[in-house]
Structures are given as C-alpha cells and as structure tokens.
C-alpha atoms as a PDB file:
ATOM      1  CA  LYS A   1      15.016   3.516 -13.619  1.00  0.00           C
ATOM      2  CA  ARG A   2      14.435   2.379 -10.029  1.00  0.00           C
ATOM      3  CA  ALA A   3      14.482   5.999  -8.825  1.00  0.00           C
ATOM      4  CA  LYS A   4      11.820   6.926 -11.392  1.00  0.00           C
ATOM      5  CA  GLU A   5       9.709   3.964 -10.288  1.00  0.00           C
ATOM      6  CA  GLN A   6       9.941   5.135  -6.674  1.00  0.00           C
ATOM      7  CA  GLU A   7       9.067   8.679  -7.752  1.00  0.00           C
ATOM      8  CA  PHE A   8       5.952   7.290  -9.449  1.00  0.00           C
ATOM      9  CA  LEU A   9       4.971   5.286  -6.372  1.00  0.00           C
ATOM     10  CA  ARG A  10       5.226   8.431  -4.207  1.00  0.00           C
ATOM     11  CA  LEU A  11       3.576  10.755  -6.740  1.00  0.00           C
ATOM     12  CA  LYS A  12       0.778  12.952  -5.367  1.00  0.00           C
ATOM     13  CA  GLN A  13      -1.039  15.844  -6.993  1.00  0.00           C
ATOM     14  CA  GLY A  14      -0.017  18.327  -4.326  1.00  0.00           C
ATOM     15  CA  GLN A  15      -0.095  21.834  -5.797  1.00  0.00           C
ATOM     16  CA  MET A  16      -0.161  20.619  -9.416  1.00  0.00           C
ATOM     17  CA  SER A  17      -3.240  21.084 -11.561  1.00  0.00           C
ATOM     18  CA  VAL A  18      -5.023  17.896 -12.591  1.00  0.00           C
ATOM     19  CA  MET A  19      -3.536  18.332 -16.063  1.00  0.00           C
ATOM     20  CA  GLU A  20       0.007  18.669 -14.677  1.00  0.00           C
ATOM     21  CA  TYR A  21      -0.503  15.725 -12.334  1.00  0.00           C
ATOM     22  CA  ALA A  22      -1.833  13.550 -15.191  1.00  0.00           C
ATOM     23  CA  ALA A  23       1.143  14.468 -17.391  1.00  0.00           C
ATOM     24  CA  LYS A  24       3.616  13.576 -14.629  1.00  0.00           C
ATOM     25  CA  PHE A  25       1.644  10.413 -13.841  1.00  0.00           C
ATOM     26  CA  ASN A  26       1.778   9.280 -17.472  1.00  0.00           C
ATOM     27  CA  GLU A  27       5.463  10.178 -17.792  1.00  0.00           C
ATOM     28  CA  LEU A  28       6.472   8.200 -14.702  1.00  0.00           C
ATOM     29  CA  SER A  29       4.020   5.294 -15.058  1.00  0.00           C
ATOM     30  CA  ARG A  30       6.169   3.731 -17.777  1.00  0.00           C
ATOM     31  CA  PHE A  31       8.815   3.084 -15.099  1.00  0.00           C
ATOM     32  CA  ALA A  32       6.317   1.096 -13.004  1.00  0.00           C
ATOM     33  CA  PRO A  33       4.432  -1.105 -15.488  1.00  0.00           C
ATOM     34  CA  ASN A  34       3.385  -3.579 -12.792  1.00  0.00           C
ATOM     35  CA  GLN A  35       1.563  -0.800 -10.944  1.00  0.00           C
ATOM     36  CA  VAL A  36      -0.520   0.131 -14.007  1.00  0.00           C
ATOM     37  CA  ALA A  37      -0.877  -3.266 -15.654  1.00  0.00           C
ATOM     38  CA  THR A  38      -4.652  -2.847 -16.047  1.00  0.00           C
ATOM     39  CA  GLU A  39      -6.925   0.159 -16.570  1.00  0.00           C
ATOM     40  CA  GLU A  40      -8.410  -0.460 -13.122  1.00  0.00           C
ATOM     41  CA  MET A  41      -4.977  -0.413 -11.467  1.00  0.00           C
ATOM     42  CA  LYS A  42      -4.034   2.732 -13.372  1.00  0.00           C
ATOM     43  CA  MET A  43      -7.231   4.535 -12.380  1.00  0.00           C
ATOM     44  CA  ASP A  44      -6.884   3.452  -8.755  1.00  0.00           C
ATOM     45  CA  HIS A  45      -3.305   4.685  -8.515  1.00  0.00           C
ATOM     46  CA  PHE A  46      -4.213   7.982 -10.198  1.00  0.00           C
ATOM     47  CA  GLU A  47      -7.161   8.512  -7.858  1.00  0.00           C
ATOM     48  CA  GLN A  48      -5.041   7.790  -4.778  1.00  0.00           C
ATOM     49  CA  GLY A  49      -2.707  10.620  -5.724  1.00  0.00           C
ATOM     50  CA  LEU A  50      -5.415  13.233  -6.161  1.00  0.00           C
ATOM     51  CA  ARG A  51      -6.013  15.941  -3.565  1.00  0.00           C
ATOM     52  CA  GLY A  52      -8.795  15.160  -1.067  1.00  0.00           C
ATOM     53  CA  PRO A  53     -11.536  17.433  -2.460  1.00  0.00           C
ATOM     54  CA  ILE A  54     -10.998  16.168  -6.003  1.00  0.00           C
ATOM     55  CA  LYS A  55     -10.834  12.563  -4.834  1.00  0.00           C
ATOM     56  CA  ARG A  56     -14.134  12.990  -2.964  1.00  0.00           C
ATOM     57  CA  MET A  57     -15.713  14.583  -6.037  1.00  0.00           C
ATOM     58  CA  ILE A  58     -15.146  11.449  -8.129  1.00  0.00           C
ATOM     59  CA  ALA A  59     -15.931   8.956  -5.374  1.00  0.00           C
ATOM     60  CA  GLY A  60     -18.832   6.758  -6.388  1.00  0.00           C
ATOM     61  CA  HIS A  61     -18.416   7.423 -10.106  1.00  0.00           C
ATOM     62  CA  VAL A  62     -17.842   4.446 -12.347  1.00  0.00           C
ATOM     63  CA  PHE A  63     -15.414   5.088 -15.180  1.00  0.00           C
ATOM     64  CA  THR A  64     -14.760   2.812 -18.118  1.00  0.00           C
ATOM     65  CA  GLY A  65     -11.117   3.839 -18.407  1.00  0.00           C
ATOM     66  CA  PHE A  66      -8.348   6.169 -17.342  1.00  0.00           C
ATOM     67  CA  GLN A  67      -8.991   8.658 -20.146  1.00  0.00           C
ATOM     68  CA  GLU A  68     -12.640   9.055 -19.137  1.00  0.00           C
ATOM     69  CA  MET A  69     -11.639   9.508 -15.497  1.00  0.00           C
ATOM     70  CA  TYR A  70      -9.067  12.137 -16.425  1.00  0.00           C
ATOM     71  CA  GLN A  71     -11.498  14.002 -18.701  1.00  0.00           C
ATOM     72  CA  GLU A  72     -14.018  14.183 -15.839  1.00  0.00           C
ATOM     73  CA  GLN A  73     -11.426  16.022 -13.732  1.00  0.00           C
ATOM     74  CA  LEU A  74     -11.074  18.733 -16.378  1.00  0.00           C
ATOM     75  CA  LYS A  75     -14.769  19.654 -16.326  1.00  0.00           C
END
C-alpha cells in the first residue's frame, strides 16, 4: 500500500494521454486519501501532474470539481 501511495505522489502525465493519466490518477488516488481529501486538493494534484502545455492551457480556469476539470482536458 505504501508503494502505491508513493507511486501516486510521483505520478506525472509524461507520455500518457489525459484519459490514461486520469485513469491512473484515479486508480492510485485511493492509496493516498489524505492527498485528495477535498475536490480542491484532488484537482490541484491532478493539475500538477499534467504536461506543461496542458497545464498552461487550464491555468486561470475555475472549475467546480475534478470531473469538470477532466472533461475540459478532453475537448
């Protein structure tokens, strides 16, 4: 369990698509509940792992929740 938590903490999008990254993020986030205790924390952690160009694209946007943020990446 600790190894999965560490994997989550180090998770970055890298060469994954946004959809693949989100799936891995959701899979591993259950091993680090303190890191995603609120929607804001979850969105922040997800955004930090995104590649630079994608991260810049969503900068300044205000999202009401993780699902909305994720859906915006698929457009």
